[in-house]
Amino acid sequence: MFNATLLSLTFMVGSCGTPSGDAQIQPEYDKQTGRLQLLKYDSNSNGRVDTVSYMDGARILRIEIDKDEDGKVERWEYYDADQKLEKVGFSRAGDGTEDAWSFAGADGSIVRIEVSTERDGRVTRTEHYERDTLTRAEEDGDGDGRTDKWESYDDGRLAMVAFDTIARGSPDRRLVYGADGSARLEIDADGDGIFVLQK
């Protein structure tokens, strides 16, 4: 969600040079250029900063939010040159380490989530959503930069998972799951995209 409150505060501080007497907002400026670099915000007036906006003058670069004020950021908001929310980072473990990023469509629903499974900032799993429901995913399990696992979902249920076990760049085997809980293994030995039941 776009942080409209902080954006309005940005323009207020950027245009006036001071936060209009509001002690909740603490601007910081570059000592050399005088450009606004940070906005520190105490959203609940309890004396603790819970929101930090990284600025380039009046332009927001990103916002970090520590809503529960435990000293660990839970949400990272990234904005593009037009000041539109580009993506939202979050920590899957809730420990302040950013390891996943969600992207919204024009209607505001999530269309994609990128995950750093090793939590090192490198995206190794991408999940695709329709109307906030997971439909498919691709993963680079061995970290060589190529997809080696594909998942398909049906109404949120895992319907198929395929693997590239021989590093050819396409799946050579897959598990297909029925709605009744059944599963079957299929093999594509020739790499032609035709899978046959493994007996």
Protein backbone atom coordinates (compact mmCIF):
# COMPACT_ATOMS: atom_id res chain seq x y z
CA MET A 1 0.00 0.00 0.00
CA PHE A 2 1.30 3.45 -0.91
CA ASN A 3 2.38 5.38 2.15
CA ALA A 4 0.44 8.57 1.38
CA THR A 5 0.97 10.02 4.84
CA LEU A 6 4.74 9.86 4.59
CA LEU A 7 4.68 11.17 1.05
CA SER A 8 2.73 14.24 2.15
CA LEU A 9 5.17 14.75 5.01
CA THR A 10 8.02 14.52 2.49
CA PHE A 11 6.69 17.40 0.48
CA MET A 12 5.98 19.41 3.62
CA VAL A 13 9.52 18.97 4.93
CA GLY A 14 11.07 19.38 1.48
CA SER A 15 9.27 22.63 0.80
CA CYS A 16 9.49 24.22 4.24
CA GLY A 17 12.85 22.97 5.39
CA THR A 18 11.39 22.10 8.80
CA PRO A 19 8.71 19.64 9.88
CA SER A 20 6.31 22.46 10.79
CA GLY A 21 6.82 21.97 14.50
CA ASP A 22 5.83 18.30 14.35
CA ALA A 23 8.33 16.56 16.65
CA GLN A 24 7.33 13.16 15.26
CA ILE A 25 9.23 13.84 12.03
CA GLN A 26 13.01 14.13 12.05
CA PRO A 27 14.56 15.13 8.70
CA GLU A 28 18.26 14.61 7.98
CA TYR A 29 20.09 16.48 5.23
CA ASP A 30 23.31 15.90 3.35
CA LYS A 31 25.94 18.17 4.91
CA GLN A 32 27.55 18.93 1.57
CA THR A 33 24.54 19.52 -0.68
CA GLY A 34 21.79 20.27 1.81
CA ARG A 35 19.51 17.73 0.09
CA LEU A 36 17.05 15.78 2.19
CA GLN A 37 18.38 12.23 2.78
CA LEU A 38 16.23 10.74 5.53
CA LEU A 39 12.87 11.21 7.17
CA LYS A 40 12.51 9.49 10.53
CA TYR A 41 8.93 9.17 11.68
CA ASP A 42 7.33 8.22 15.00
CA SER A 43 3.88 7.22 13.78
CA ASN A 44 2.33 6.60 17.22
CA SER A 45 4.05 9.44 19.14
CA ASN A 46 5.67 7.16 21.70
CA GLY A 47 9.16 8.57 21.26
CA ARG A 48 10.49 5.71 19.09
CA VAL A 49 11.13 5.95 15.36
CA ASP A 50 9.24 3.18 13.54
CA THR A 51 9.39 4.41 9.94
CA VAL A 52 12.45 5.61 8.02
CA SER A 53 12.17 7.06 4.52
CA TYR A 54 15.32 7.18 2.39
CA MET A 55 15.17 10.26 0.21
CA ASP A 56 16.79 11.95 -2.75
CA GLY A 57 15.57 15.46 -2.03
CA ALA A 58 11.78 15.32 -2.27
CA ARG A 59 11.85 11.93 -4.03
CA ILE A 60 11.26 8.78 -2.00
CA LEU A 61 13.68 5.94 -2.74
CA ARG A 62 12.48 3.44 -0.17
CA ILE A 63 10.69 3.27 3.17
CA GLU A 64 11.55 0.87 6.00
CA ILE A 65 8.90 0.11 8.61
CA ASP A 66 9.30 -1.48 12.04
CA LYS A 67 5.65 -1.56 13.08
CA ASP A 68 6.08 -3.57 16.29
CA GLU A 69 9.13 -1.50 17.27
CA ASP A 70 11.32 -4.49 18.10
CA GLY A 71 14.29 -3.00 16.24
CA LYS A 72 13.75 -5.26 13.20
CA VAL A 73 12.31 -3.96 9.96
CA GLU A 74 9.26 -5.93 8.77
CA ARG A 75 8.48 -4.07 5.55
CA TRP A 76 10.60 -2.44 2.84
CA GLU A 77 8.79 -0.29 0.26
CA TYR A 78 10.58 0.59 -2.99
CA TYR A 79 9.40 3.44 -5.22
CA ASP A 80 10.13 4.14 -8.88
CA ALA A 81 11.00 7.47 -10.49
CA ASP A 82 7.29 8.35 -10.74
CA GLN A 83 6.86 7.77 -6.98
CA LYS A 84 4.77 4.66 -7.55
CA LEU A 85 5.22 1.67 -5.29
CA GLU A 86 7.36 -0.77 -7.27
CA LYS A 87 7.73 -3.65 -4.82
CA VAL A 88 7.45 -4.52 -1.14
CA GLY A 89 10.16 -6.46 0.64
CA PHE A 90 9.55 -8.62 3.69
CA SER A 91 11.26 -11.14 5.94
CA ARG A 92 9.79 -14.65 5.80
CA ALA A 93 11.41 -15.50 9.14
CA GLY A 94 10.40 -12.21 10.75
CA ASP A 95 13.97 -11.58 11.87
CA GLY A 96 14.71 -8.33 10.02
CA THR A 97 16.47 -9.99 7.07
CA GLU A 98 14.79 -9.05 3.79
CA ASP A 99 14.44 -12.23 1.74
CA ALA A 100 11.30 -11.86 -0.38
CA TRP A 101 9.66 -9.19 -2.55
CA SER A 102 6.04 -8.87 -3.68
CA PHE A 103 4.88 -7.08 -6.84
CA ALA A 104 1.32 -5.86 -7.30
CA GLY A 105 -0.74 -5.53 -10.46
CA ALA A 106 -2.79 -2.53 -11.56
CA ASP A 107 -5.68 -3.61 -9.32
CA GLY A 108 -3.42 -3.83 -6.25
CA SER A 109 -3.47 -7.63 -6.00
CA ILE A 110 -0.21 -9.56 -5.79
CA VAL A 111 0.93 -10.91 -9.16
CA ARG A 112 4.44 -12.09 -8.29
CA ILE A 113 6.64 -12.87 -5.30
CA GLU A 114 10.38 -13.29 -5.64
CA VAL A 115 12.18 -15.23 -2.91
CA SER A 116 15.82 -15.50 -1.89
CA THR A 117 15.75 -19.04 -0.51
CA GLU A 118 19.33 -18.73 0.75
CA ARG A 119 18.49 -15.30 2.25
CA ASP A 120 21.46 -13.72 0.52
CA GLY A 121 19.51 -11.26 -1.67
CA ARG A 122 19.76 -13.46 -4.77
CA VAL A 123 16.35 -14.47 -6.13
CA THR A 124 16.11 -18.24 -6.59
CA ARG A 125 12.33 -18.75 -6.53
CA THR A 126 9.58 -16.86 -8.34
CA GLU A 127 5.90 -17.39 -7.56
CA HIS A 128 3.08 -16.21 -9.85
CA TYR A 129 -0.39 -15.25 -8.59
CA GLU A 130 -3.80 -14.56 -10.04
CA ARG A 131 -6.29 -12.76 -7.80
CA ASP A 132 -3.86 -13.32 -4.90
CA THR A 133 -3.89 -17.11 -5.48
CA LEU A 134 -0.66 -18.99 -6.26
CA THR A 135 -0.85 -20.51 -9.76
CA ARG A 136 2.74 -21.53 -10.58
CA ALA A 137 6.34 -21.20 -9.43
CA GLU A 138 9.87 -21.69 -10.75
CA GLU A 139 12.93 -22.37 -8.63
CA ASP A 140 16.68 -22.63 -9.02
CA GLY A 141 17.42 -25.27 -6.40
CA ASP A 142 21.15 -25.68 -6.98
CA GLY A 143 21.97 -21.99 -7.43
CA ASP A 144 23.47 -22.24 -10.93
CA GLY A 145 21.23 -19.50 -12.31
CA ARG A 146 18.92 -21.87 -14.21
CA THR A 147 15.45 -23.08 -13.27
CA ASP A 148 15.40 -26.73 -12.27
CA LYS A 149 12.02 -27.01 -10.55
CA TRP A 150 8.56 -26.03 -11.79
CA GLU A 151 5.32 -26.11 -9.79
CA SER A 152 1.72 -25.78 -11.00
CA TYR A 153 -1.27 -25.14 -8.76
CA ASP A 154 -4.99 -25.67 -9.20
CA ASP A 155 -7.15 -23.48 -6.92
CA GLY A 156 -4.22 -23.19 -4.51
CA ARG A 157 -3.56 -26.97 -4.49
CA LEU A 158 -0.22 -28.31 -5.74
CA ALA A 159 -1.17 -30.12 -8.96
CA MET A 160 2.24 -30.83 -10.48
CA VAL A 161 5.92 -30.43 -9.69
CA ALA A 162 8.55 -31.06 -12.36
CA PHE A 163 12.32 -31.41 -12.03
CA ASP A 164 15.37 -31.11 -14.21
CA THR A 165 17.56 -33.80 -12.65
CA ILE A 166 20.12 -33.96 -15.48
CA ALA A 167 20.80 -30.20 -16.01
CA ARG A 168 19.43 -30.07 -19.56
CA GLY A 169 17.39 -26.89 -18.98
CA SER A 170 13.97 -28.54 -19.13
CA PRO A 171 12.13 -30.99 -16.85
CA ASP A 172 12.86 -34.68 -17.30
CA ARG A 173 10.46 -35.97 -14.66
CA ARG A 174 7.37 -34.76 -12.88
CA LEU A 175 4.99 -35.70 -10.13
CA VAL A 176 1.30 -35.16 -10.92
CA TYR A 177 -1.06 -34.95 -7.96
CA GLY A 178 -4.78 -35.73 -8.16
CA ALA A 179 -7.44 -33.89 -6.18
CA ASP A 180 -8.02 -37.16 -4.32
CA GLY A 181 -4.45 -37.17 -2.99
CA SER A 182 -3.12 -39.64 -5.55
CA ALA A 183 0.24 -39.10 -7.25
CA ARG A 184 1.95 -40.47 -10.34
CA LEU A 185 5.50 -40.14 -11.64
CA GLU A 186 6.02 -39.29 -15.31
CA ILE A 187 9.29 -39.24 -17.29
CA ASP A 188 10.41 -37.32 -20.38
CA ALA A 189 13.53 -39.26 -21.33
CA ASP A 190 13.98 -37.73 -24.80
CA GLY A 191 13.54 -34.07 -23.88
CA ASP A 192 10.70 -33.61 -26.38
CA GLY A 193 8.16 -32.45 -23.79
CA ILE A 194 6.25 -35.72 -23.91
CA PHE A 195 5.94 -37.35 -20.49
CA VAL A 196 5.05 -40.99 -20.05
CA LEU A 197 3.99 -42.79 -16.92
CA GLN A 198 6.85 -44.37 -14.98
CA LYS A 199 6.01 -48.03 -14.35
